[in-house]
Amino acid sequence: MKLTDGTIDRQYDIELINTGEEGMRDFLFTLGCYPGEKITLISQVSSNYVINVKDARYSIDRDLASAIEIRDESSLTCCSCRSEAI
């Protein structure tokens, strides 16, 4: 799912930076947005998204936000978690 589809005040794992523009990908990497990193959607006003990455807040536009593919960390499970629940 794209960050633009995320829920406010929820933490996600970045799964992929999905853009064909190298400059956009490089900019997101300088903010700390790369696969495996945690990201929180703080707020969304008009076409601006305020995100928290690595204890820093940034405001990004819709194009940048839609390039960030996320995974809801609550949907992640591992073998040890499943075995403990049994």
PDB file of N, CA and C in Angstrom:
ATOM      1  N   MET A   1       0.855  -1.165   0.000  1.00  0.00           N
ATOM      2  CA  MET A   1       0.000   0.000   0.000  1.00  0.00           C
ATOM      3  C   MET A   1       0.902   1.229   0.000  1.00  0.00           C
ATOM      4  N   LYS A   2       0.405   2.307  -0.537  1.00  0.00           N
ATOM      5  CA  LYS A   2       1.163   3.557  -0.595  1.00  0.00           C
ATOM      6  C   LYS A   2       0.966   4.361   0.689  1.00  0.00           C
ATOM      7  N   LEU A   3       1.946   5.178   1.002  1.00  0.00           N
ATOM      8  CA  LEU A   3       1.837   6.025   2.194  1.00  0.00           C
ATOM      9  C   LEU A   3       0.610   6.929   2.109  1.00  0.00           C
ATOM     10  N   THR A   4       0.218   7.334   0.916  1.00  0.00           N
ATOM     11  CA  THR A   4      -0.962   8.188   0.748  1.00  0.00           C
ATOM     12  C   THR A   4      -2.240   7.490   1.211  1.00  0.00           C
ATOM     13  N   ASP A   5      -2.213   6.158   1.326  1.00  0.00           N
ATOM     14  CA  ASP A   5      -3.372   5.393   1.802  1.00  0.00           C
ATOM     15  C   ASP A   5      -3.273   5.061   3.286  1.00  0.00           C
ATOM     16  N   GLY A   6      -2.216   5.545   3.948  1.00  0.00           N
ATOM     17  CA  GLY A   6      -1.987   5.222   5.352  1.00  0.00           C
ATOM     18  C   GLY A   6      -2.922   5.961   6.294  1.00  0.00           C
ATOM     19  N   THR A   7      -2.891   5.546   7.543  1.00  0.00           N
ATOM     20  CA  THR A   7      -3.705   6.126   8.609  1.00  0.00           C
ATOM     21  C   THR A   7      -2.836   7.056   9.455  1.00  0.00           C
ATOM     22  N   ILE A   8      -3.403   8.190   9.835  1.00  0.00           N
ATOM     23  CA  ILE A   8      -2.692   9.164  10.663  1.00  0.00           C
ATOM     24  C   ILE A   8      -2.316   8.535  12.011  1.00  0.00           C
ATOM     25  N   ASP A   9      -1.136   8.882  12.526  1.00  0.00           N
ATOM     26  CA  ASP A   9      -0.608   8.414  13.813  1.00  0.00           C
ATOM     27  C   ASP A   9      -0.387   6.905  13.878  1.00  0.00           C
ATOM     28  N   ARG A  10      -0.060   6.319  12.747  1.00  0.00           N
ATOM     29  CA  ARG A  10       0.219   4.885  12.721  1.00  0.00           C
ATOM     30  C   ARG A  10       1.605   4.647  12.148  1.00  0.00           C
ATOM     31  N   GLN A  11       2.346   3.735  12.767  1.00  0.00           N
ATOM     32  CA  GLN A  11       3.687   3.433  12.300  1.00  0.00           C
ATOM     33  C   GLN A  11       3.642   2.292  11.290  1.00  0.00           C
ATOM     34  N   TYR A  12       4.439   2.439  10.251  1.00  0.00           N
ATOM     35  CA  TYR A  12       4.530   1.446   9.188  1.00  0.00           C
ATOM     36  C   TYR A  12       5.985   1.118   8.926  1.00  0.00           C
ATOM     37  N   ASP A  13       6.217   0.018   8.227  1.00  0.00           N
ATOM     38  CA  ASP A  13       7.534  -0.323   7.713  1.00  0.00           C
ATOM     39  C   ASP A  13       7.566   0.065   6.246  1.00  0.00           C
ATOM     40  N   ILE A  14       8.639   0.713   5.824  1.00  0.00           N
ATOM     41  CA  ILE A  14       8.789   1.029   4.405  1.00  0.00           C
ATOM     42  C   ILE A  14       9.172  -0.261   3.694  1.00  0.00           C
ATOM     43  N   GLU A  15       8.383  -0.598   2.700  1.00  0.00           N
ATOM     44  CA  GLU A  15       8.617  -1.831   1.950  1.00  0.00           C
ATOM     45  C   GLU A  15       9.438  -1.563   0.693  1.00  0.00           C
ATOM     46  N   LEU A  16       9.181  -0.413   0.044  1.00  0.00           N
ATOM     47  CA  LEU A  16       9.805  -0.133  -1.245  1.00  0.00           C
ATOM     48  C   LEU A  16       9.681   1.342  -1.564  1.00  0.00           C
ATOM     49  N   ILE A  17      10.680   1.900  -2.219  1.00  0.00           N
ATOM     50  CA  ILE A  17      10.569   3.242  -2.791  1.00  0.00           C
ATOM     51  C   ILE A  17      10.319   3.017  -4.274  1.00  0.00           C
ATOM     52  N   ASN A  18       9.120   3.323  -4.713  1.00  0.00           N
ATOM     53  CA  ASN A  18       8.664   2.968  -6.051  1.00  0.00           C
ATOM     54  C   ASN A  18       8.558   4.213  -6.926  1.00  0.00           C
ATOM     55  N   THR A  19       9.672   4.606  -7.514  1.00  0.00           N
ATOM     56  CA  THR A  19       9.677   5.744  -8.422  1.00  0.00           C
ATOM     57  C   THR A  19      10.716   5.503  -9.505  1.00  0.00           C
ATOM     58  N   GLY A  20      10.408   5.953 -10.689  1.00  0.00           N
ATOM     59  CA  GLY A  20      11.353   5.847 -11.783  1.00  0.00           C
ATOM     60  C   GLY A  20      12.325   6.999 -11.823  1.00  0.00           C
ATOM     61  N   GLU A  21      12.078   8.018 -11.016  1.00  0.00           N
ATOM     62  CA  GLU A  21      12.936   9.197 -10.997  1.00  0.00           C
ATOM     63  C   GLU A  21      14.045   9.018  -9.966  1.00  0.00           C
ATOM     64  N   GLU A  22      15.272   8.971 -10.442  1.00  0.00           N
ATOM     65  CA  GLU A  22      16.411   8.766  -9.547  1.00  0.00           C
ATOM     66  C   GLU A  22      16.549   9.908  -8.549  1.00  0.00           C
ATOM     67  N   GLY A  23      16.283  11.143  -8.975  1.00  0.00           N
ATOM     68  CA  GLY A  23      16.385  12.289  -8.080  1.00  0.00           C
ATOM     69  C   GLY A  23      15.400  12.208  -6.924  1.00  0.00           C
ATOM     70  N   MET A  24      14.175  11.739  -7.210  1.00  0.00           N
ATOM     71  CA  MET A  24      13.162  11.592  -6.160  1.00  0.00           C
ATOM     72  C   MET A  24      13.579  10.500  -5.179  1.00  0.00           C
ATOM     73  N   ARG A  25      14.072   9.388  -5.710  1.00  0.00           N
ATOM     74  CA  ARG A  25      14.514   8.280  -4.859  1.00  0.00           C
ATOM     75  C   ARG A  25      15.691   8.731  -3.983  1.00  0.00           C
ATOM     76  N   ASP A  26      16.655   9.443  -4.567  1.00  0.00           N
ATOM     77  CA  ASP A  26      17.803   9.933  -3.803  1.00  0.00           C
ATOM     78  C   ASP A  26      17.369  10.895  -2.697  1.00  0.00           C
ATOM     79  N   PHE A  27      16.407  11.773  -2.997  1.00  0.00           N
ATOM     80  CA  PHE A  27      15.914  12.715  -1.994  1.00  0.00           C
ATOM     81  C   PHE A  27      15.274  11.966  -0.829  1.00  0.00           C
ATOM     82  N   LEU A  28      14.436  10.982  -1.121  1.00  0.00           N
ATOM     83  CA  LEU A  28      13.791  10.210  -0.054  1.00  0.00           C
ATOM     84  C   LEU A  28      14.834   9.459   0.774  1.00  0.00           C
ATOM     85  N   PHE A  29      15.875   8.948   0.126  1.00  0.00           N
ATOM     86  CA  PHE A  29      16.938   8.267   0.863  1.00  0.00           C
ATOM     87  C   PHE A  29      17.648   9.225   1.811  1.00  0.00           C
ATOM     88  N   THR A  30      17.844  10.494   1.400  1.00  0.00           N
ATOM     89  CA  THR A  30      18.499  11.457   2.291  1.00  0.00           C
ATOM     90  C   THR A  30      17.648  11.752   3.527  1.00  0.00           C
ATOM     91  N   LEU A  31      16.327  11.562   3.402  1.00  0.00           N
ATOM     92  CA  LEU A  31      15.441  11.738   4.561  1.00  0.00           C
ATOM     93  C   LEU A  31      15.442  10.504   5.467  1.00  0.00           C
ATOM     94  N   GLY A  32      16.014   9.414   4.982  1.00  0.00           N
ATOM     95  CA  GLY A  32      16.025   8.176   5.757  1.00  0.00           C
ATOM     96  C   GLY A  32      14.950   7.209   5.327  1.00  0.00           C
ATOM     97  N   CYS A  33      14.309   7.477   4.206  1.00  0.00           N
ATOM     98  CA  CYS A  33      13.244   6.611   3.697  1.00  0.00           C
ATOM     99  C   CYS A  33      13.840   5.536   2.795  1.00  0.00           C
ATOM    100  N   TYR A  34      14.007   4.352   3.337  1.00  0.00           N
ATOM    101  CA  TYR A  34      14.498   3.224   2.548  1.00  0.00           C
ATOM    102  C   TYR A  34      13.875   1.953   3.122  1.00  0.00           C
ATOM    103  N   PRO A  35      13.846   0.888   2.338  1.00  0.00           N
ATOM    104  CA  PRO A  35      13.187  -0.349   2.773  1.00  0.00           C
ATOM    105  C   PRO A  35      13.684  -0.835   4.135  1.00  0.00           C
ATOM    106  N   GLY A  36      12.723  -1.209   4.977  1.00  0.00           N
ATOM    107  CA  GLY A  36      13.013  -1.714   6.312  1.00  0.00           C
ATOM    108  C   GLY A  36      12.941  -0.659   7.402  1.00  0.00           C
ATOM    109  N   GLU A  37      12.946   0.603   7.016  1.00  0.00           N
ATOM    110  CA  GLU A  37      12.893   1.691   8.005  1.00  0.00           C
ATOM    111  C   GLU A  37      11.447   1.916   8.462  1.00  0.00           C
ATOM    112  N   LYS A  38      11.296   2.375   9.696  1.00  0.00           N
ATOM    113  CA  LYS A  38       9.976   2.716  10.241  1.00  0.00           C
ATOM    114  C   LYS A  38       9.599   4.126   9.805  1.00  0.00           C
ATOM    115  N   ILE A  39       8.307   4.323   9.513  1.00  0.00           N
ATOM    116  CA  ILE A  39       7.799   5.636   9.130  1.00  0.00           C
ATOM    117  C   ILE A  39       6.426   5.813   9.772  1.00  0.00           C
ATOM    118  N   THR A  40       6.153   7.001  10.268  1.00  0.00           N
ATOM    119  CA  THR A  40       4.855   7.315  10.858  1.00  0.00           C
ATOM    120  C   THR A  40       4.249   8.477  10.094  1.00  0.00           C
ATOM    121  N   LEU A  41       2.990   8.338   9.720  1.00  0.00           N
ATOM    122  CA  LEU A  41       2.257   9.424   9.079  1.00  0.00           C
ATOM    123  C   LEU A  41       1.659  10.278  10.185  1.00  0.00           C
ATOM    124  N   ILE A  42       2.201  11.488  10.364  1.00  0.00           N
ATOM    125  CA  ILE A  42       1.784  12.376  11.453  1.00  0.00           C
ATOM    126  C   ILE A  42       0.506  13.122  11.097  1.00  0.00           C
ATOM    127  N   SER A  43       0.460  13.698   9.895  1.00  0.00           N
ATOM    128  CA  SER A  43      -0.737  14.424   9.467  1.00  0.00           C
ATOM    129  C   SER A  43      -0.742  14.551   7.948  1.00  0.00           C
ATOM    130  N   GLN A  44      -1.900  14.912   7.429  1.00  0.00           N
ATOM    131  CA  GLN A  44      -2.063  15.132   5.995  1.00  0.00           C
ATOM    132  C   GLN A  44      -3.004  16.310   5.819  1.00  0.00           C
ATOM    133  N   VAL A  45      -2.507  17.362   5.167  1.00  0.00           N
ATOM    134  CA  VAL A  45      -3.303  18.549   4.906  1.00  0.00           C
ATOM    135  C   VAL A  45      -3.148  18.871   3.430  1.00  0.00           C
ATOM    136  N   SER A  46      -4.272  18.902   2.732  1.00  0.00           N
ATOM    137  CA  SER A  46      -4.257  19.138   1.292  1.00  0.00           C
ATOM    138  C   SER A  46      -3.368  18.087   0.645  1.00  0.00           C
ATOM    139  N   SER A  47      -2.339  18.491  -0.084  1.00  0.00           N
ATOM    140  CA  SER A  47      -1.461  17.510  -0.734  1.00  0.00           C
ATOM    141  C   SER A  47      -0.115  17.395  -0.017  1.00  0.00           C
ATOM    142  N   ASN A  48      -0.053  17.825   1.235  1.00  0.00           N
ATOM    143  CA  ASN A  48       1.169  17.733   2.034  1.00  0.00           C
ATOM    144  C   ASN A  48       1.015  16.680   3.126  1.00  0.00           C
ATOM    145  N   TYR A  49       2.068  15.891   3.278  1.00  0.00           N
ATOM    146  CA  TYR A  49       2.082  14.810   4.259  1.00  0.00           C
ATOM    147  C   TYR A  49       3.233  15.060   5.219  1.00  0.00           C
ATOM    148  N   VAL A  50       2.937  15.073   6.511  1.00  0.00           N
ATOM    149  CA  VAL A  50       3.978  15.212   7.527  1.00  0.00           C
ATOM    150  C   VAL A  50       4.287  13.811   8.022  1.00  0.00           C
ATOM    151  N   ILE A  51       5.572  13.451   7.914  1.00  0.00           N
ATOM    152  CA  ILE A  51       6.010  12.116   8.291  1.00  0.00           C
ATOM    153  C   ILE A  51       7.078  12.197   9.365  1.00  0.00           C
ATOM    154  N   ASN A  52       7.243  11.105  10.100  1.00  0.00           N
ATOM    155  CA  ASN A  52       8.311  10.972  11.076  1.00  0.00           C
ATOM    156  C   ASN A  52       9.157   9.779  10.661  1.00  0.00           C
ATOM    157  N   VAL A  53      10.439  10.047  10.427  1.00  0.00           N
ATOM    158  CA  VAL A  53      11.394   8.999  10.080  1.00  0.00           C
ATOM    159  C   VAL A  53      12.644   9.232  10.907  1.00  0.00           C
ATOM    160  N   LYS A  54      13.102   8.213  11.608  1.00  0.00           N
ATOM    161  CA  LYS A  54      14.326   8.315  12.418  1.00  0.00           C
ATOM    162  C   LYS A  54      14.299   9.520  13.354  1.00  0.00           C
ATOM    163  N   ASP A  55      13.227   9.698  14.083  1.00  0.00           N
ATOM    164  CA  ASP A  55      13.077  10.781  15.066  1.00  0.00           C
ATOM    165  C   ASP A  55      13.156  12.182  14.469  1.00  0.00           C
ATOM    166  N   ALA A  56      12.832  12.330  13.204  1.00  0.00           N
ATOM    167  CA  ALA A  56      12.790  13.640  12.555  1.00  0.00           C
ATOM    168  C   ALA A  56      11.478  13.755  11.782  1.00  0.00           C
ATOM    169  N   ARG A  57      10.936  14.972  11.737  1.00  0.00           N
ATOM    170  CA  ARG A  57       9.690  15.219  11.010  1.00  0.00           C
ATOM    171  C   ARG A  57       9.989  15.951   9.709  1.00  0.00           C
ATOM    172  N   TYR A  58       9.293  15.531   8.670  1.00  0.00           N
ATOM    173  CA  TYR A  58       9.439  16.152   7.358  1.00  0.00           C
ATOM    174  C   TYR A  58       8.064  16.345   6.744  1.00  0.00           C
ATOM    175  N   SER A  59       7.945  17.353   5.911  1.00  0.00           N
ATOM    176  CA  SER A  59       6.737  17.569   5.127  1.00  0.00           C
ATOM    177  C   SER A  59       7.079  17.239   3.678  1.00  0.00           C
ATOM    178  N   ILE A  60       6.326  16.319   3.100  1.00  0.00           N
ATOM    179  CA  ILE A  60       6.562  15.918   1.713  1.00  0.00           C
ATOM    180  C   ILE A  60       5.271  16.070   0.921  1.00  0.00           C
ATOM    181  N   ASP A  61       5.407  16.219  -0.387  1.00  0.00           N
ATOM    182  CA  ASP A  61       4.213  16.377  -1.216  1.00  0.00           C
ATOM    183  C   ASP A  61       3.635  15.019  -1.612  1.00  0.00           C
ATOM    184  N   ARG A  62       2.500  15.064  -2.274  1.00  0.00           N
ATOM    185  CA  ARG A  62       1.770  13.858  -2.654  1.00  0.00           C
ATOM    186  C   ARG A  62       2.605  12.943  -3.552  1.00  0.00           C
ATOM    187  N   ASP A  63       3.377  13.520  -4.475  1.00  0.00           N
ATOM    188  CA  ASP A  63       4.198  12.701  -5.366  1.00  0.00           C
ATOM    189  C   ASP A  63       5.224  11.877  -4.585  1.00  0.00           C
ATOM    190  N   LEU A  64       5.888  12.522  -3.637  1.00  0.00           N
ATOM    191  CA  LEU A  64       6.860  11.796  -2.812  1.00  0.00           C
ATOM    192  C   LEU A  64       6.173  10.752  -1.943  1.00  0.00           C
ATOM    193  N   ALA A  65       5.041  11.124  -1.335  1.00  0.00           N
ATOM    194  CA  ALA A  65       4.321  10.194  -0.461  1.00  0.00           C
ATOM    195  C   ALA A  65       3.822   8.974  -1.229  1.00  0.00           C
ATOM    196  N   SER A  66       3.402   9.183  -2.468  1.00  0.00           N
ATOM    197  CA  SER A  66       2.881   8.049  -3.241  1.00  0.00           C
ATOM    198  C   SER A  66       3.999   7.129  -3.736  1.00  0.00           C
ATOM    199  N   ALA A  67       5.246   7.587  -3.692  1.00  0.00           N
ATOM    200  CA  ALA A  67       6.369   6.740  -4.084  1.00  0.00           C
ATOM    201  C   ALA A  67       6.801   5.805  -2.956  1.00  0.00           C
ATOM    202  N   ILE A  68       6.314   6.059  -1.737  1.00  0.00           N
ATOM    203  CA  ILE A  68       6.702   5.245  -0.576  1.00  0.00           C
ATOM    204  C   ILE A  68       5.678   4.134  -0.381  1.00  0.00           C
ATOM    205  N   GLU A  69       6.108   2.898  -0.647  1.00  0.00           N
ATOM    206  CA  GLU A  69       5.258   1.724  -0.422  1.00  0.00           C
ATOM    207  C   GLU A  69       5.484   1.259   1.014  1.00  0.00           C
ATOM    208  N   ILE A  70       4.393   1.059   1.745  1.00  0.00           N
ATOM    209  CA  ILE A  70       4.487   0.704   3.162  1.00  0.00           C
ATOM    210  C   ILE A  70       3.792  -0.615   3.450  1.00  0.00           C
ATOM    211  N   ARG A  71       4.137  -1.170   4.606  1.00  0.00           N
ATOM    212  CA  ARG A  71       3.501  -2.392   5.099  1.00  0.00           C
ATOM    213  C   ARG A  71       3.123  -2.123   6.543  1.00  0.00           C
ATOM    214  N   ASP A  72       1.903  -2.448   6.897  1.00  0.00           N
ATOM    215  CA  ASP A  72       1.431  -2.276   8.268  1.00  0.00           C
ATOM    216  C   ASP A  72       2.188  -3.247   9.155  1.00  0.00           C
ATOM    217  N   GLU A  73       2.943  -2.713  10.113  1.00  0.00           N
ATOM    218  CA  GLU A  73       3.758  -3.594  10.945  1.00  0.00           C
ATOM    219  C   GLU A  73       2.924  -4.534  11.816  1.00  0.00           C
ATOM    220  N   SER A  74       1.654  -4.226  12.053  1.00  0.00           N
ATOM    221  CA  SER A  74       0.815  -5.131  12.844  1.00  0.00           C
ATOM    222  C   SER A  74       0.461  -6.384  12.064  1.00  0.00           C
ATOM    223  N   SER A  75       0.629  -6.344  10.734  1.00  0.00           N
ATOM    224  CA  SER A  75       0.324  -7.528   9.925  1.00  0.00           C
ATOM    225  C   SER A  75       1.519  -8.457   9.825  1.00  0.00           C
ATOM    226  N   LEU A  76       2.675  -8.040  10.372  1.00  0.00           N
ATOM    227  CA  LEU A  76       3.868  -8.871  10.308  1.00  0.00           C
ATOM    228  C   LEU A  76       3.827  -9.917  11.410  1.00  0.00           C
ATOM    229  N   THR A  77       4.142 -11.125  11.034  1.00  0.00           N
ATOM    230  CA  THR A  77       4.247 -12.199  12.021  1.00  0.00           C
ATOM    231  C   THR A  77       5.499 -12.991  11.714  1.00  0.00           C
ATOM    232  N   CYS A  78       6.018 -13.628  12.712  1.00  0.00           N
ATOM    233  CA  CYS A  78       7.174 -14.480  12.492  1.00  0.00           C
ATOM    234  C   CYS A  78       6.896 -15.840  13.094  1.00  0.00           C
ATOM    235  N   CYS A  79       7.721 -16.776  12.764  1.00  0.00           N
ATOM    236  CA  CYS A  79       7.494 -18.141  13.235  1.00  0.00           C
ATOM    237  C   CYS A  79       7.463 -18.218  14.755  1.00  0.00           C
ATOM    238  N   SER A  80       8.346 -17.506  15.449  1.00  0.00           N
ATOM    239  CA  SER A  80       8.386 -17.587  16.900  1.00  0.00           C
ATOM    240  C   SER A  80       7.134 -16.988  17.521  1.00  0.00           C
ATOM    241  N   CYS A  81       6.562 -15.948  16.864  1.00  0.00           N
ATOM    242  CA  CYS A  81       5.332 -15.350  17.393  1.00  0.00           C
ATOM    243  C   CYS A  81       4.176 -16.315  17.272  1.00  0.00           C
ATOM    244  N   ARG A  82       4.103 -17.006  16.156  1.00  0.00           N
ATOM    245  CA  ARG A  82       3.011 -17.975  15.959  1.00  0.00           C
ATOM    246  C   ARG A  82       3.144 -19.143  16.911  1.00  0.00           C
ATOM    247  N   SER A  83       4.359 -19.609  17.135  1.00  0.00           N
ATOM    248  CA  SER A  83       4.529 -20.775  17.987  1.00  0.00           C
ATOM    249  C   SER A  83       4.199 -20.442  19.433  1.00  0.00           C
ATOM    250  N   GLU A  84       4.446 -19.190  19.856  1.00  0.00           N
ATOM    251  CA  GLU A  84       4.132 -18.815  21.237  1.00  0.00           C
ATOM    252  C   GLU A  84       2.618 -18.753  21.455  1.00  0.00           C
ATOM    253  N   ALA A  85       1.865 -18.430  20.397  1.00  0.00           N
ATOM    254  CA  ALA A  85       0.419 -18.302  20.543  1.00  0.00           C
ATOM    255  C   ALA A  85      -0.277 -19.660  20.570  1.00  0.00           C
ATOM    256  N   ILE A  86       0.420 -20.695  20.164  1.00  0.00           N
ATOM    257  CA  ILE A  86      -0.208 -22.044  20.089  1.00  0.00           C
ATOM    258  C   ILE A  86      -0.247 -22.703  21.418  1.00  0.00           C
TER     259      ILE A  86
END
